[in-house]
Amino acid sequence: DGRFIHGVHAVDAPITFDRALTSTW
């Protein structure tokens, strides 16, 4: 889910384990 690369705050969607790790990019 590339929407989360700029942080979990940037997307109105559930913050899952995978998405949280993606956000460190």
PDB file of all heavy atoms in Angstrom:
ATOM      1  N   ASP A   1       0.856  -1.188   0.000  1.00  0.00           N
ATOM      2  CA  ASP A   1       0.000   0.000   0.000  1.00  0.00           C
ATOM      3  C   ASP A   1       0.890   1.235   0.000  1.00  0.00           C
ATOM      4  O   ASP A   1       1.284   1.746   1.049  1.00  0.00           O
ATOM      5  CB  ASP A   1      -0.920  -0.007   1.223  1.00  0.00           C
ATOM      6  CG  ASP A   1      -2.047   1.013   1.104  1.00  0.00           C
ATOM      7  OD1 ASP A   1      -1.890   1.981   0.337  1.00  0.00           O
ATOM      8  OD2 ASP A   1      -3.086   0.834   1.766  1.00  0.00           O
ATOM      9  N   GLY A   2       1.222   1.712  -1.201  1.00  0.00           N
ATOM     10  CA  GLY A   2       2.141   2.829  -1.343  1.00  0.00           C
ATOM     11  C   GLY A   2       1.612   4.148  -0.818  1.00  0.00           C
ATOM     12  O   GLY A   2       2.383   5.108  -0.683  1.00  0.00           O
ATOM     13  N   ARG A   3       0.333   4.227  -0.493  1.00  0.00           N
ATOM     14  CA  ARG A   3      -0.204   5.469   0.056  1.00  0.00           C
ATOM     15  C   ARG A   3       0.451   5.836   1.378  1.00  0.00           C
ATOM     16  O   ARG A   3       0.432   7.010   1.781  1.00  0.00           O
ATOM     17  CB  ARG A   3      -1.722   5.342   0.263  1.00  0.00           C
ATOM     18  CG  ARG A   3      -2.526   5.100  -0.993  1.00  0.00           C
ATOM     19  CD  ARG A   3      -3.993   4.920  -0.647  1.00  0.00           C
ATOM     20  NE  ARG A   3      -4.200   3.782   0.243  1.00  0.00           N
ATOM     21  CZ  ARG A   3      -5.339   3.550   0.909  1.00  0.00           C
ATOM     22  NH1 ARG A   3      -6.361   4.382   0.781  1.00  0.00           N
ATOM     23  NH2 ARG A   3      -5.467   2.486   1.692  1.00  0.00           N
ATOM     24  N   PHE A   4       1.039   4.855   2.074  1.00  0.00           N
ATOM     25  CA  PHE A   4       1.544   5.077   3.418  1.00  0.00           C
ATOM     26  C   PHE A   4       3.024   5.438   3.468  1.00  0.00           C
ATOM     27  O   PHE A   4       3.580   5.621   4.552  1.00  0.00           O
ATOM     28  CB  PHE A   4       1.280   3.844   4.284  1.00  0.00           C
ATOM     29  CG  PHE A   4      -0.138   3.752   4.756  1.00  0.00           C
ATOM     30  CD1 PHE A   4      -1.127   3.220   3.938  1.00  0.00           C
ATOM     31  CD2 PHE A   4      -0.505   4.227   6.004  1.00  0.00           C
ATOM     32  CE1 PHE A   4      -2.440   3.149   4.357  1.00  0.00           C
ATOM     33  CE2 PHE A   4      -1.818   4.153   6.443  1.00  0.00           C
ATOM     34  CZ  PHE A   4      -2.793   3.619   5.616  1.00  0.00           C
ATOM     35  N   ILE A   5       3.679   5.585   2.323  1.00  0.00           N
ATOM     36  CA  ILE A   5       5.125   5.830   2.370  1.00  0.00           C
ATOM     37  C   ILE A   5       5.480   7.159   3.008  1.00  0.00           C
ATOM     38  O   ILE A   5       6.587   7.338   3.521  1.00  0.00           O
ATOM     39  CB  ILE A   5       5.757   5.728   0.966  1.00  0.00           C
ATOM     40  CG1 ILE A   5       5.153   6.751   0.007  1.00  0.00           C
ATOM     41  CG2 ILE A   5       5.663   4.306   0.428  1.00  0.00           C
ATOM     42  CD1 ILE A   5       5.855   6.800  -1.334  1.00  0.00           C
ATOM     43  N   HIS A   6       4.563   8.128   2.998  1.00  0.00           N
ATOM     44  CA  HIS A   6       4.849   9.427   3.594  1.00  0.00           C
ATOM     45  C   HIS A   6       4.285   9.567   5.003  1.00  0.00           C
ATOM     46  O   HIS A   6       4.251  10.666   5.551  1.00  0.00           O
ATOM     47  CB  HIS A   6       4.322  10.541   2.695  1.00  0.00           C
ATOM     48  CG  HIS A   6       5.025  10.615   1.381  1.00  0.00           C
ATOM     49  ND1 HIS A   6       6.388  10.854   1.273  1.00  0.00           N
ATOM     50  CD2 HIS A   6       4.577  10.466   0.102  1.00  0.00           C
ATOM     51  CE1 HIS A   6       6.739  10.854   0.003  1.00  0.00           C
ATOM     52  NE2 HIS A   6       5.666  10.617  -0.728  1.00  0.00           N
ATOM     53  N   GLY A   7       3.860   8.461   5.607  1.00  0.00           N
ATOM     54  CA  GLY A   7       3.408   8.489   6.988  1.00  0.00           C
ATOM     55  C   GLY A   7       1.975   8.041   7.147  1.00  0.00           C
ATOM     56  O   GLY A   7       1.145   8.234   6.260  1.00  0.00           O
ATOM     57  N   VAL A   8       1.687   7.464   8.299  1.00  0.00           N
ATOM     58  CA  VAL A   8       0.339   6.969   8.558  1.00  0.00           C
ATOM     59  C   VAL A   8      -0.659   8.123   8.686  1.00  0.00           C
ATOM     60  O   VAL A   8      -1.859   7.938   8.500  1.00  0.00           O
ATOM     61  CB  VAL A   8       0.302   6.094   9.829  1.00  0.00           C
ATOM     62  CG1 VAL A   8       1.138   4.838   9.637  1.00  0.00           C
ATOM     63  CG2 VAL A   8       0.784   6.872  11.046  1.00  0.00           C
ATOM     64  N   HIS A   9      -0.154   9.319   8.990  1.00  0.00           N
ATOM     65  CA  HIS A   9      -1.035  10.476   9.154  1.00  0.00           C
ATOM     66  C   HIS A   9      -1.603  10.958   7.820  1.00  0.00           C
ATOM     67  O   HIS A   9      -2.577  11.705   7.799  1.00  0.00           O
ATOM     68  CB  HIS A   9      -0.251  11.629   9.785  1.00  0.00           C
ATOM     69  CG  HIS A   9       0.856  12.135   8.912  1.00  0.00           C
ATOM     70  ND1 HIS A   9       2.046  11.433   8.749  1.00  0.00           N
ATOM     71  CD2 HIS A   9       0.953  13.234   8.121  1.00  0.00           C
ATOM     72  CE1 HIS A   9       2.826  12.101   7.914  1.00  0.00           C
ATOM     73  NE2 HIS A   9       2.191  13.194   7.527  1.00  0.00           N
ATOM     74  N   ALA A  10      -0.991  10.524   6.713  1.00  0.00           N
ATOM     75  CA  ALA A  10      -1.344  11.067   5.401  1.00  0.00           C
ATOM     76  C   ALA A  10      -2.511  10.344   4.743  1.00  0.00           C
ATOM     77  O   ALA A  10      -2.978  10.768   3.684  1.00  0.00           O
ATOM     78  CB  ALA A  10      -0.126  11.019   4.479  1.00  0.00           C
ATOM     79  N   VAL A  11      -3.001   9.256   5.346  1.00  0.00           N
ATOM     80  CA  VAL A  11      -4.006   8.417   4.701  1.00  0.00           C
ATOM     81  C   VAL A  11      -5.156   8.155   5.669  1.00  0.00           C
ATOM     82  O   VAL A  11      -4.927   7.776   6.833  1.00  0.00           O
ATOM     83  CB  VAL A  11      -3.398   7.063   4.254  1.00  0.00           C
ATOM     84  CG1 VAL A  11      -4.427   6.260   3.464  1.00  0.00           C
ATOM     85  CG2 VAL A  11      -2.148   7.288   3.419  1.00  0.00           C
ATOM     86  N   ASP A  12      -6.361   8.337   5.195  1.00  0.00           N
ATOM     87  CA  ASP A  12      -7.544   8.043   5.999  1.00  0.00           C
ATOM     88  C   ASP A  12      -7.927   6.580   5.783  1.00  0.00           C
ATOM     89  O   ASP A  12      -8.827   6.246   5.012  1.00  0.00           O
ATOM     90  CB  ASP A  12      -8.697   8.968   5.603  1.00  0.00           C
ATOM     91  CG  ASP A  12      -9.939   8.764   6.471  1.00  0.00           C
ATOM     92  OD1 ASP A  12      -9.808   8.129   7.536  1.00  0.00           O
ATOM     93  OD2 ASP A  12     -11.034   9.225   6.074  1.00  0.00           O
ATOM     94  N   ALA A  13      -7.197   5.703   6.471  1.00  0.00           N
ATOM     95  CA  ALA A  13      -7.419   4.259   6.358  1.00  0.00           C
ATOM     96  C   ALA A  13      -6.847   3.613   7.610  1.00  0.00           C
ATOM     97  O   ALA A  13      -6.011   4.215   8.308  1.00  0.00           O
ATOM     98  CB  ALA A  13      -6.750   3.699   5.099  1.00  0.00           C
ATOM     99  N   PRO A  14      -7.273   2.397   7.935  1.00  0.00           N
ATOM    100  CA  PRO A  14      -6.749   1.736   9.132  1.00  0.00           C
ATOM    101  C   PRO A  14      -5.227   1.617   9.105  1.00  0.00           C
ATOM    102  O   PRO A  14      -4.627   1.397   8.045  1.00  0.00           O
ATOM    103  CB  PRO A  14      -7.410   0.356   9.086  1.00  0.00           C
ATOM    104  CG  PRO A  14      -8.664   0.567   8.300  1.00  0.00           C
ATOM    105  CD  PRO A  14      -8.322   1.587   7.269  1.00  0.00           C
ATOM    106  N   ILE A  15      -4.601   1.775  10.249  1.00  0.00           N
ATOM    107  CA  ILE A  15      -3.153   1.650  10.374  1.00  0.00           C
ATOM    108  C   ILE A  15      -2.838   0.209  10.758  1.00  0.00           C
ATOM    109  O   ILE A  15      -2.974  -0.184  11.914  1.00  0.00           O
ATOM    110  CB  ILE A  15      -2.603   2.633  11.419  1.00  0.00           C
ATOM    111  CG1 ILE A  15      -2.965   4.066  11.046  1.00  0.00           C
ATOM    112  CG2 ILE A  15      -1.077   2.481  11.540  1.00  0.00           C
ATOM    113  CD1 ILE A  15      -2.650   5.071  12.137  1.00  0.00           C
ATOM    114  N   THR A  16      -2.450  -0.574   9.787  1.00  0.00           N
ATOM    115  CA  THR A  16      -2.116  -1.972  10.033  1.00  0.00           C
ATOM    116  C   THR A  16      -0.619  -2.113  10.304  1.00  0.00           C
ATOM    117  O   THR A  16       0.166  -1.170  10.129  1.00  0.00           O
ATOM    118  CB  THR A  16      -2.493  -2.830   8.824  1.00  0.00           C
ATOM    119  OG1 THR A  16      -1.674  -2.433   7.715  1.00  0.00           O
ATOM    120  CG2 THR A  16      -3.963  -2.661   8.459  1.00  0.00           C
ATOM    121  N   PHE A  17      -0.233  -3.305  10.720  1.00  0.00           N
ATOM    122  CA  PHE A  17       1.183  -3.601  10.981  1.00  0.00           C
ATOM    123  C   PHE A  17       2.025  -3.324   9.736  1.00  0.00           C
ATOM    124  O   PHE A  17       3.051  -2.629   9.804  1.00  0.00           O
ATOM    125  CB  PHE A  17       1.306  -5.058  11.412  1.00  0.00           C
ATOM    126  CG  PHE A  17       2.694  -5.473  11.816  1.00  0.00           C
ATOM    127  CD1 PHE A  17       3.135  -5.284  13.113  1.00  0.00           C
ATOM    128  CD2 PHE A  17       3.537  -6.073  10.906  1.00  0.00           C
ATOM    129  CE1 PHE A  17       4.420  -5.678  13.490  1.00  0.00           C
ATOM    130  CE2 PHE A  17       4.818  -6.467  11.271  1.00  0.00           C
ATOM    131  CZ  PHE A  17       5.258  -6.268  12.561  1.00  0.00           C
ATOM    132  N   ASP A  18       1.603  -3.857   8.594  1.00  0.00           N
ATOM    133  CA  ASP A  18       2.369  -3.670   7.358  1.00  0.00           C
ATOM    134  C   ASP A  18       2.435  -2.202   6.962  1.00  0.00           C
ATOM    135  O   ASP A  18       3.479  -1.700   6.541  1.00  0.00           O
ATOM    136  CB  ASP A  18       1.744  -4.477   6.213  1.00  0.00           C
ATOM    137  CG  ASP A  18       1.825  -5.978   6.446  1.00  0.00           C
ATOM    138  OD1 ASP A  18       2.876  -6.450   6.920  1.00  0.00           O
ATOM    139  OD2 ASP A  18       0.838  -6.668   6.160  1.00  0.00           O
ATOM    140  N   ARG A  19       1.325  -1.494   7.077  1.00  0.00           N
ATOM    141  CA  ARG A  19       1.300  -0.086   6.685  1.00  0.00           C
ATOM    142  C   ARG A  19       2.178   0.762   7.589  1.00  0.00           C
ATOM    143  O   ARG A  19       2.823   1.714   7.129  1.00  0.00           O
ATOM    144  CB  ARG A  19      -0.143   0.425   6.696  1.00  0.00           C
ATOM    145  CG  ARG A  19      -0.981  -0.128   5.553  1.00  0.00           C
ATOM    146  CD  ARG A  19      -2.453   0.149   5.750  1.00  0.00           C
ATOM    147  NE  ARG A  19      -3.234  -0.192   4.562  1.00  0.00           N
ATOM    148  CZ  ARG A  19      -4.553  -0.174   4.519  1.00  0.00           C
ATOM    149  NH1 ARG A  19      -5.258   0.161   5.608  1.00  0.00           N
ATOM    150  NH2 ARG A  19      -5.187  -0.493   3.405  1.00  0.00           N
ATOM    151  N   ALA A  20       2.205   0.438   8.875  1.00  0.00           N
ATOM    152  CA  ALA A  20       3.061   1.189   9.797  1.00  0.00           C
ATOM    153  C   ALA A  20       4.533   1.034   9.426  1.00  0.00           C
ATOM    154  O   ALA A  20       5.301   2.013   9.455  1.00  0.00           O
ATOM    155  CB  ALA A  20       2.821   0.720  11.229  1.00  0.00           C
ATOM    156  N   LEU A  21       4.949  -0.170   9.059  1.00  0.00           N
ATOM    157  CA  LEU A  21       6.340  -0.374   8.658  1.00  0.00           C
ATOM    158  C   LEU A  21       6.638   0.286   7.323  1.00  0.00           C
ATOM    159  O   LEU A  21       7.735   0.816   7.106  1.00  0.00           O
ATOM    160  CB  LEU A  21       6.655  -1.865   8.609  1.00  0.00           C
ATOM    161  CG  LEU A  21       6.607  -2.588   9.949  1.00  0.00           C
ATOM    162  CD1 LEU A  21       6.923  -4.071   9.766  1.00  0.00           C
ATOM    163  CD2 LEU A  21       7.568  -1.967  10.944  1.00  0.00           C
ATOM    164  N   THR A  22       5.668   0.277   6.417  1.00  0.00           N
ATOM    165  CA  THR A  22       5.835   0.946   5.136  1.00  0.00           C
ATOM    166  C   THR A  22       6.145   2.432   5.332  1.00  0.00           C
ATOM    167  O   THR A  22       6.923   3.029   4.576  1.00  0.00           O
ATOM    168  CB  THR A  22       4.557   0.801   4.291  1.00  0.00           C
ATOM    169  OG1 THR A  22       4.370  -0.582   3.971  1.00  0.00           O
ATOM    170  CG2 THR A  22       4.633   1.597   2.998  1.00  0.00           C
ATOM    171  N   SER A  23       5.572   3.035   6.364  1.00  0.00           N
ATOM    172  CA  SER A  23       5.678   4.479   6.562  1.00  0.00           C
ATOM    173  C   SER A  23       7.074   4.936   6.955  1.00  0.00           C
ATOM    174  O   SER A  23       7.354   6.134   6.953  1.00  0.00           O
ATOM    175  CB  SER A  23       4.674   4.932   7.628  1.00  0.00           C
ATOM    176  OG  SER A  23       5.070   4.493   8.918  1.00  0.00           O
ATOM    177  N   THR A  24       7.991   4.009   7.283  1.00  0.00           N
ATOM    178  CA  THR A  24       9.352   4.425   7.633  1.00  0.00           C
ATOM    179  C   THR A  24      10.192   4.757   6.395  1.00  0.00           C
ATOM    180  O   THR A  24      11.306   5.255   6.524  1.00  0.00           O
ATOM    181  CB  THR A  24      10.062   3.333   8.447  1.00  0.00           C
ATOM    182  OG1 THR A  24      10.219   2.151   7.646  1.00  0.00           O
ATOM    183  CG2 THR A  24       9.272   2.982   9.703  1.00  0.00           C
ATOM    184  N   TRP A  25       9.651   4.513   5.224  1.00  0.00           N
ATOM    185  CA  TRP A  25      10.357   4.690   3.945  1.00  0.00           C
ATOM    186  C   TRP A  25      10.995   6.068   3.800  1.00  0.00           C
ATOM    187  O   TRP A  25      12.130   6.197   3.349  1.00  0.00           O
ATOM    188  CB  TRP A  25       9.361   4.442   2.808  1.00  0.00           C
ATOM    189  CG  TRP A  25       9.860   4.620   1.416  1.00  0.00           C
ATOM    190  CD1 TRP A  25      10.516   3.707   0.658  1.00  0.00           C
ATOM    191  CD2 TRP A  25       9.682   5.778   0.580  1.00  0.00           C
ATOM    192  NE1 TRP A  25      10.772   4.217  -0.601  1.00  0.00           N
ATOM    193  CE2 TRP A  25      10.266   5.483  -0.661  1.00  0.00           C
ATOM    194  CE3 TRP A  25       9.081   7.030   0.776  1.00  0.00           C
ATOM    195  CZ2 TRP A  25      10.281   6.410  -1.714  1.00  0.00           C
ATOM    196  CZ3 TRP A  25       9.092   7.944  -0.267  1.00  0.00           C
ATOM    197  CH2 TRP A  25       9.688   7.637  -1.500  1.00  0.00           C
TER     198      TRP A  25
END
